[in-house]
Protein backbone atom coordinates (compact mmCIF):
# COMPACT_ATOMS: atom_id res chain seq x y z
CA MET A 1 86.26 126.70 90.39
CA THR A 2 86.94 128.08 86.90
CA ALA A 3 86.68 126.43 83.50
CA ALA A 4 90.44 125.78 83.72
CA THR A 5 90.01 123.71 86.91
CA ALA A 6 89.00 120.05 87.04
CA ALA A 7 88.11 118.34 90.32
CA ILE A 8 88.51 114.73 91.33
CA ASP A 9 87.39 113.22 94.63
CA VAL A 10 89.16 109.89 95.07
CA ARG A 11 87.76 109.03 98.51
CA SER A 12 85.29 106.53 97.03
CA ILE A 13 87.79 105.08 94.52
CA ALA A 14 89.59 101.82 95.33
CA PRO A 15 93.14 102.65 96.51
CA ARG A 16 94.75 100.60 93.72
CA ASP A 17 92.88 102.68 91.12
CA ARG A 18 93.61 106.14 92.52
CA HIS A 19 97.03 106.94 91.08
CA PRO A 20 96.24 105.70 87.55
CA LEU A 21 93.05 107.78 87.55
CA ILE A 22 94.80 110.90 88.86
CA PHE A 23 97.63 110.59 86.32
CA SER A 24 95.13 110.05 83.53
CA ARG A 25 93.24 113.21 84.48
CA PHE A 26 96.46 115.18 84.96
CA HIS A 27 97.71 114.27 81.50
CA THR A 28 94.48 115.53 79.89
CA LEU A 29 95.08 119.01 81.34
CA GLN A 30 96.57 121.75 79.22
CA PRO A 31 99.41 123.86 80.64
CA GLY A 32 97.86 126.48 82.92
CA GLU A 33 94.93 124.25 83.90
CA THR A 34 94.49 122.86 87.41
CA LEU A 35 93.33 119.60 88.95
CA GLU A 36 91.84 119.87 92.43
CA LEU A 37 92.34 116.58 94.26
CA VAL A 38 90.17 115.60 97.23
CA ASN A 39 91.44 112.72 99.36
CA ASP A 40 90.95 111.05 102.75
CA HIS A 41 94.65 111.14 103.64
CA ASP A 42 97.76 113.13 102.76
CA PRO A 43 98.64 112.07 99.19
CA ARG A 44 102.35 112.77 99.69
CA PRO A 45 103.41 109.50 97.93
CA LEU A 46 101.54 110.75 94.85
CA TYR A 47 103.56 113.98 94.96
CA PHE A 48 106.84 112.05 94.93
CA GLN A 49 105.62 109.81 92.12
CA MET A 50 104.61 112.83 90.06
CA GLN A 51 108.01 114.44 90.76
CA ALA A 52 109.72 111.30 89.45
CA GLU A 53 107.53 110.94 86.35
CA SER A 54 106.84 114.58 85.44
CA PRO A 55 109.55 116.75 87.02
CA GLY A 56 108.91 120.45 86.56
CA ALA A 57 105.50 119.85 84.96
CA PHE A 58 103.32 120.84 87.91
CA THR A 59 102.91 122.84 91.07
CA TRP A 60 101.40 121.30 94.23
CA THR A 61 99.50 123.47 96.71
CA TYR A 62 97.69 122.22 99.80
CA LEU A 63 94.28 123.89 100.07
CA GLU A 64 93.21 121.83 103.09
CA SER A 65 95.44 119.56 105.19
CA GLY A 66 93.35 117.06 107.16
CA PRO A 67 92.92 115.43 109.48
CA GLN A 68 89.76 114.10 107.75
CA LEU A 69 90.03 115.79 104.36
CA TRP A 70 92.89 116.86 102.11
CA ARG A 71 92.43 119.14 99.12
CA ILE A 72 95.35 119.78 96.80
CA SER A 73 95.61 122.04 93.80
CA ILE A 74 97.84 120.48 91.13
CA ALA A 75 98.53 122.99 88.37
CA LYS A 76 100.05 121.81 85.10
CA THR A 77 102.98 124.00 84.07
CA ARG A 78 104.02 122.27 80.84
CA ALA A 79 102.84 119.55 78.47
CA THR A 80 103.37 115.92 79.49
CA ALA A 81 103.10 112.58 77.75
CA PRO A 82 100.54 110.01 78.95
CA ARG A 83 102.12 107.53 81.34
CA GLN A 84 102.39 103.80 80.91
CA ALA A 85 100.55 101.41 83.24
CA ALA A 86 102.41 100.64 86.46
CA PRO A 87 103.96 97.20 86.72
CA ALA A 88 102.28 94.72 89.08
CA GLY A 89 103.39 95.11 92.68
CA THR A 90 104.17 98.82 92.47
CA CYS A 91 102.48 101.55 94.46
CA CYS A 92 99.83 102.19 91.82
CA SER A 93 98.85 98.59 91.38
CA GLY A 94 97.99 97.95 95.00
CA GLY A 95 97.99 99.37 98.48
CA ASN A 96 96.65 102.56 99.92
CA CYS A 97 99.13 105.04 98.54
CA GLY A 98 97.21 107.80 96.84
């Protein structure tokens, strides 16, 4: 891991808090920096949410693909604005989606 890489292991984080935390960390990255995500399941819903909220602002590379552990490299390709809190009842406010 280089100075331009941040790591976040969300396996011990409550599911409802995962996406907000990941987005918060992602938005602190500078273009060219990378977030390495460690998760206990495939975070594919997160990918689609990021595509919807920050299209073209990242690359997504699987480093490890389960079945017990997933590691994903999320590289920021351009600046992004911090996101607003998700409304109640959406994927980020409850459920095991990230």
